[in-house]
């Protein structure tokens, strides 16, 4: 038997369920056995990504003992765009973050 955890995190709460699975079980089987889809009906495995310890995996990936299956929420904002917005805000507030440094004599 494999001891596996299934995890789904929302902004304000995290659900972590432990399940025992037979050897050769897959990510999908662990999700089904955990009952997490009943607790969180908003989960759509046809569109949401899943993984094991932060690495995206297909639903038919085999599990190992002590794996943590994670169900990822879709991104609301592209991380590159979010970073660019933070840099732009910092620049507007007068910081020099993100500006190219020039030698004193070329300013």
Protein backbone atom coordinates (compact mmCIF):
# COMPACT_ATOMS: atom_id res chain seq x y z
CA UNK A 1 0.00 0.00 0.00
CA UNK A 2 1.06 3.57 -0.74
CA UNK A 3 0.41 6.41 1.71
CA UNK A 4 -0.58 9.42 -0.43
CA UNK A 5 -1.96 12.89 0.28
CA UNK A 6 -4.28 14.83 -2.04
CA UNK A 7 -4.12 18.61 -1.71
CA UNK A 8 -6.21 21.51 -3.03
CA UNK A 9 -5.61 25.06 -1.85
CA UNK A 10 -7.92 28.07 -2.02
CA UNK A 11 -6.81 31.60 -1.07
CA UNK A 12 -8.23 31.23 2.44
CA UNK A 13 -8.08 27.50 3.12
CA UNK A 14 -6.33 24.28 2.21
CA UNK A 15 -7.76 20.79 1.96
CA UNK A 16 -5.30 17.98 2.60
CA UNK A 17 -6.64 14.42 2.56
CA UNK A 18 -4.64 11.26 3.28
CA UNK A 19 -5.48 8.08 1.36
CA UNK A 20 -3.95 4.63 1.14
CA UNK A 21 -3.63 3.36 -2.40
CA UNK A 22 -2.53 0.02 -3.82
CA UNK A 23 0.83 -0.19 -5.59
CA UNK A 24 0.54 0.96 -9.21
CA UNK A 25 -2.22 3.49 -8.47
CA UNK A 26 -2.39 6.66 -10.56
CA UNK A 27 -2.90 10.33 -9.77
CA UNK A 28 -6.51 10.12 -10.99
CA UNK A 29 -7.25 7.13 -8.79
CA UNK A 30 -5.90 8.93 -5.72
CA UNK A 31 -8.03 12.00 -6.47
CA UNK A 32 -11.13 9.84 -6.88
CA UNK A 33 -10.41 7.83 -3.71
CA UNK A 34 -9.84 10.96 -1.61
CA UNK A 35 -13.35 12.34 -2.19
CA UNK A 36 -11.92 15.80 -2.80
CA UNK A 37 -14.12 16.29 -5.88
CA UNK A 38 -17.20 16.04 -3.63
CA UNK A 39 -15.78 18.59 -1.18
CA UNK A 40 -14.81 20.96 -4.00
CA UNK A 41 -17.24 20.58 -6.91
CA UNK A 42 -15.60 23.56 -8.66
CA UNK A 43 -12.60 21.37 -9.51
CA UNK A 44 -12.58 20.52 -13.22
CA UNK A 45 -9.87 17.98 -13.99
CA UNK A 46 -10.41 18.43 -17.72
CA UNK A 47 -9.03 21.98 -17.50
CA UNK A 48 -7.05 22.19 -14.24
CA UNK A 49 -3.52 20.90 -13.96
CA UNK A 50 -2.40 18.40 -11.36
CA UNK A 51 1.02 17.47 -10.09
CA UNK A 52 3.15 15.76 -7.51
CA UNK A 53 5.21 17.99 -5.23
CA UNK A 54 5.02 21.00 -7.57
CA UNK A 55 5.79 19.16 -10.80
CA UNK A 56 2.92 18.95 -13.29
CA UNK A 57 1.97 15.36 -14.08
CA UNK A 58 -0.70 13.68 -16.22
CA UNK A 59 -3.67 12.05 -14.51
CA UNK A 60 -2.37 8.61 -15.44
CA UNK A 61 1.04 9.13 -13.78
CA UNK A 62 1.91 6.37 -11.31
CA UNK A 63 2.27 7.21 -7.64
CA UNK A 64 5.06 6.44 -5.21
CA UNK A 65 4.81 6.06 -1.45
CA UNK A 66 4.38 9.39 0.40
CA UNK A 67 3.56 11.41 -2.75
CA UNK A 68 1.48 14.56 -2.40
CA UNK A 69 -0.95 14.97 -5.29
CA UNK A 70 -1.72 18.65 -5.87
CA UNK A 71 -4.62 20.09 -7.83
CA UNK A 72 -3.70 23.53 -9.17
CA UNK A 73 -6.12 26.43 -9.58
CA UNK A 74 -5.96 28.31 -12.86
CA UNK A 75 -3.81 31.44 -12.86
CA UNK A 76 -5.77 34.68 -12.80
CA UNK A 77 -2.84 36.82 -13.99
CA UNK A 78 0.16 35.83 -16.06
CA UNK A 79 3.18 35.91 -13.67
CA UNK A 80 5.26 37.91 -16.15
CA UNK A 81 2.54 40.55 -16.45
CA UNK A 82 2.16 40.72 -12.65
CA UNK A 83 5.89 41.33 -12.25
CA UNK A 84 5.88 44.00 -14.94
CA UNK A 85 3.01 45.79 -13.18
CA UNK A 86 4.94 45.76 -9.90
CA UNK A 87 8.03 47.21 -11.62
CA UNK A 88 5.94 49.91 -13.31
CA UNK A 89 4.32 50.83 -9.99
CA UNK A 90 7.70 51.03 -8.28
CA UNK A 91 9.02 53.27 -11.05
CA UNK A 92 6.01 55.60 -10.76
CA UNK A 93 6.66 55.90 -7.03
CA UNK A 94 10.19 57.14 -7.72
CA UNK A 95 12.32 54.05 -7.23
CA UNK A 96 15.07 53.19 -9.65
CA UNK A 97 14.31 49.46 -9.70
CA UNK A 98 14.37 48.15 -13.21
CA UNK A 99 16.17 51.17 -14.67
CA UNK A 100 19.45 50.71 -16.42
CA UNK A 101 22.40 52.21 -14.60
CA UNK A 102 24.53 54.59 -16.61
CA UNK A 103 28.00 55.84 -15.73
CA UNK A 104 28.03 59.35 -14.16
CA UNK A 105 29.66 60.99 -17.19
CA UNK A 106 26.98 59.69 -19.62
CA UNK A 107 23.99 61.07 -17.71
